[in-house]
Amino acid sequence: AYEIFRIWYKFFAKFKGTRDGVTKTAEETSDRMTRTEKSLFRQVDGKWLFVSSPETSDTSFALGDTSETQTDVVLKTKDAVGSLSAK
């Protein structure tokens, strides 16, 4: 059986350092990112076991958006710009 999962996440980082006797701290947070996976599960002895995730996508979706395709124009543009800058 295939199931589709979508998660939203951010990276958090906290830095602390001392230079010339002065201690400084800083915090950074990434933009919200999206990961969509289509995962295959198999039933063995009455339990569902994860087999693999043959399809994954990093296409941005608004928080809580469960639609199959992205319809948000702003997020589509953000993804397009991101893919161009990665090349």
Protein backbone atom coordinates (compact mmCIF):
# COMPACT_ATOMS: atom_id res chain seq x y z
CA ALA A 1 0.00 0.00 0.00
CA TYR A 2 1.23 3.50 -0.85
CA GLU A 3 0.78 6.42 1.52
CA ILE A 4 1.65 10.08 0.90
CA PHE A 5 3.18 12.08 3.74
CA ARG A 6 3.97 15.78 3.87
CA ILE A 7 6.02 17.43 6.59
CA TRP A 8 7.02 21.03 7.17
CA TYR A 9 10.21 21.85 9.02
CA LYS A 10 12.76 24.53 9.88
CA PHE A 11 16.39 24.36 10.90
CA PHE A 12 17.41 26.13 14.09
CA ALA A 13 21.00 26.95 15.00
CA LYS A 14 22.44 28.54 18.10
CA PHE A 15 25.99 29.85 18.11
CA LYS A 16 28.12 30.82 21.06
CA GLY A 17 31.70 32.03 20.95
CA THR A 18 34.26 34.05 22.84
CA ARG A 19 36.73 36.46 21.26
CA ASP A 20 39.00 38.83 23.18
CA GLY A 21 37.22 37.94 26.41
CA VAL A 22 33.78 38.85 25.05
CA THR A 23 31.18 36.09 24.74
CA LYS A 24 28.53 36.45 22.07
CA THR A 25 25.56 34.28 21.15
CA ALA A 26 23.40 34.24 18.05
CA GLU A 27 20.42 32.28 16.82
CA GLU A 28 19.45 31.59 13.22
CA THR A 29 16.30 30.06 11.76
CA SER A 30 15.86 28.83 8.19
CA ASP A 31 12.78 29.41 6.07
CA ARG A 32 10.01 26.83 6.39
CA MET A 33 10.67 23.90 4.06
CA THR A 34 8.42 21.12 2.79
CA ARG A 35 9.12 17.43 2.14
CA THR A 36 6.54 15.19 0.45
CA GLU A 37 7.11 11.43 0.25
CA LYS A 38 5.14 8.64 -1.36
CA SER A 39 6.06 5.61 0.75
CA LEU A 40 5.43 1.93 0.20
CA PHE A 41 4.29 -0.23 3.13
CA ARG A 42 3.81 -4.00 3.23
CA GLN A 43 1.67 -5.93 5.66
CA VAL A 44 3.59 -8.70 7.44
CA ASP A 45 2.03 -10.75 10.25
CA GLY A 46 -0.74 -8.19 10.69
CA LYS A 47 1.68 -5.20 10.98
CA TRP A 48 2.42 -2.57 8.36
CA LEU A 49 6.16 -2.27 7.68
CA PHE A 50 7.91 0.52 5.79
CA VAL A 51 9.53 -0.73 2.56
CA SER A 52 10.77 2.33 0.65
CA SER A 53 10.06 5.90 -0.49
CA PRO A 54 10.31 5.72 -4.28
CA GLU A 55 9.00 9.26 -4.81
CA THR A 56 10.09 12.36 -2.90
CA SER A 57 9.63 16.05 -3.56
CA ASP A 58 10.89 19.29 -2.01
CA THR A 59 8.22 21.44 -3.68
CA SER A 60 7.06 24.14 -1.25
CA PHE A 61 3.51 23.98 0.10
CA ALA A 62 1.77 26.33 2.51
CA LEU A 63 1.62 25.03 6.07
CA GLY A 64 -1.30 22.60 6.32
CA ASP A 65 -1.86 22.38 2.54
CA THR A 66 -2.77 18.77 1.72
CA SER A 67 -3.57 19.19 -1.98
CA GLU A 68 -1.78 16.99 -4.50
CA THR A 69 -0.46 19.87 -6.59
CA GLN A 70 0.87 23.24 -5.60
CA THR A 71 -1.50 26.11 -6.43
CA ASP A 72 0.15 28.99 -4.52
CA VAL A 73 1.67 31.39 -7.08
CA VAL A 74 4.13 32.90 -4.58
CA LEU A 75 5.51 29.49 -3.54
CA LYS A 76 5.74 28.36 -7.19
CA THR A 77 7.82 31.45 -7.96
CA LYS A 78 10.02 30.84 -4.91
CA ASP A 79 10.70 27.25 -6.02
CA ALA A 80 11.47 28.38 -9.59
CA VAL A 81 13.95 31.00 -8.40
CA GLY A 82 15.54 28.50 -6.02
CA SER A 83 16.02 25.92 -8.77
CA LEU A 84 17.59 28.53 -11.07
CA SER A 85 20.04 29.71 -8.42
CA ALA A 86 21.05 26.10 -7.68
CA LYS A 87 22.22 25.62 -11.29
